[in-house]
Amino acid sequence: MDVRRLMHKYNYTKSEVSRSIKSHMRKWERELNAGRAIPKPMKQLADKRRPPAAADILDPDSLAGYEQVRKAFLAHLREKST
């Protein structure tokens, strides 16, 4: 189990997250020193259990332009942060 899942599952504090990361890094160090390879990332399917967003309910075919508004707003935020 990765650190992020553990953090959310057990509500880790900052020090517990740090300790868990160190533990996982030591485990990977042992694995690599033993000659094992790092596994390639696996593609995961999207979680379809999440209910659709309000924009998707109001405009399921993206005809009203919500997608364009979202992209423009995201571009504005990115421009502002640089």
Protein backbone atom coordinates (compact mmCIF):
# COMPACT_ATOMS: atom_id res chain seq x y z
CA MET A 1 0.00 0.00 0.00
CA ASP A 2 1.41 3.40 -0.89
CA VAL A 3 1.93 6.23 1.58
CA ARG A 4 -0.88 8.38 0.24
CA ARG A 5 -3.48 5.66 0.78
CA LEU A 6 -2.14 4.98 4.26
CA MET A 7 -2.21 8.70 5.04
CA HIS A 8 -5.88 8.96 4.13
CA LYS A 9 -6.90 5.63 5.62
CA TYR A 10 -5.31 6.21 9.02
CA ASN A 11 -5.31 10.03 9.07
CA TYR A 12 -1.53 10.25 9.50
CA THR A 13 0.10 13.30 11.02
CA LYS A 14 3.01 15.00 9.26
CA SER A 15 5.58 13.06 11.28
CA GLU A 16 3.79 9.75 10.62
CA VAL A 17 3.76 10.48 6.87
CA SER A 18 7.49 11.24 7.00
CA ARG A 19 8.18 8.03 8.93
CA SER A 20 6.09 6.02 6.46
CA ILE A 21 7.91 7.53 3.47
CA LYS A 22 11.28 6.68 5.03
CA SER A 23 10.10 3.13 5.67
CA HIS A 24 8.92 2.71 2.08
CA MET A 25 12.16 4.17 0.72
CA ARG A 26 14.22 1.72 2.81
CA LYS A 27 12.05 -1.13 1.49
CA TRP A 28 12.69 -0.02 -2.11
CA GLU A 29 16.39 0.34 -1.39
CA ARG A 30 16.50 -3.29 -0.19
CA GLU A 31 14.53 -4.40 -3.26
CA LEU A 32 16.90 -2.62 -5.65
CA ASN A 33 20.00 -3.86 -3.84
CA ALA A 34 18.62 -7.40 -4.16
CA GLY A 35 18.58 -6.91 -7.94
CA ARG A 36 14.84 -6.54 -8.38
CA ALA A 37 13.61 -4.05 -10.98
CA ILE A 38 11.17 -1.23 -10.36
CA PRO A 39 7.83 -2.30 -11.83
CA LYS A 40 6.47 -0.25 -14.69
CA PRO A 41 3.43 1.89 -13.89
CA MET A 42 0.13 0.26 -14.73
CA LYS A 43 -2.67 2.06 -16.50
CA GLN A 44 -5.80 2.30 -14.41
CA LEU A 45 -9.40 2.61 -15.46
CA ALA A 46 -11.27 5.73 -14.49
CA ASP A 47 -13.53 5.42 -11.46
CA LYS A 48 -16.99 5.61 -13.01
CA ARG A 49 -18.75 5.43 -9.65
CA ARG A 50 -18.34 9.17 -9.13
CA PRO A 51 -21.52 11.07 -9.99
CA PRO A 52 -21.29 13.36 -13.01
CA ALA A 53 -20.39 17.02 -12.51
CA ALA A 54 -23.13 19.64 -12.61
CA ALA A 55 -21.87 20.91 -15.99
CA ASP A 56 -22.11 17.39 -17.43
CA ILE A 57 -25.69 17.05 -16.19
CA LEU A 58 -26.72 20.43 -17.60
CA ASP A 59 -24.87 19.95 -20.88
CA PRO A 60 -24.16 16.26 -21.56
CA ASP A 61 -23.11 16.89 -25.18
CA SER A 62 -20.88 19.92 -24.39
CA LEU A 63 -22.93 22.12 -26.69
CA ALA A 64 -23.36 25.04 -24.28
CA GLY A 65 -19.65 25.84 -24.13
CA TYR A 66 -18.83 24.84 -20.55
CA GLU A 67 -15.71 23.06 -21.77
CA GLN A 68 -14.44 26.19 -23.51
CA VAL A 69 -15.12 28.28 -20.41
CA ARG A 70 -13.28 25.75 -18.27
CA LYS A 71 -10.26 25.72 -20.58
CA ALA A 72 -10.15 29.53 -20.72
CA PHE A 73 -10.37 29.82 -16.95
CA LEU A 74 -7.65 27.20 -16.47
CA ALA A 75 -5.39 29.04 -18.95
CA HIS A 76 -6.06 32.28 -17.03
CA LEU A 77 -5.06 30.63 -13.73
CA ARG A 78 -1.91 29.15 -15.23
CA GLU A 79 -0.94 32.50 -16.76
CA LYS A 80 -1.53 34.21 -13.43
CA SER A 81 0.68 31.73 -11.53
CA THR A 82 3.73 32.29 -13.77
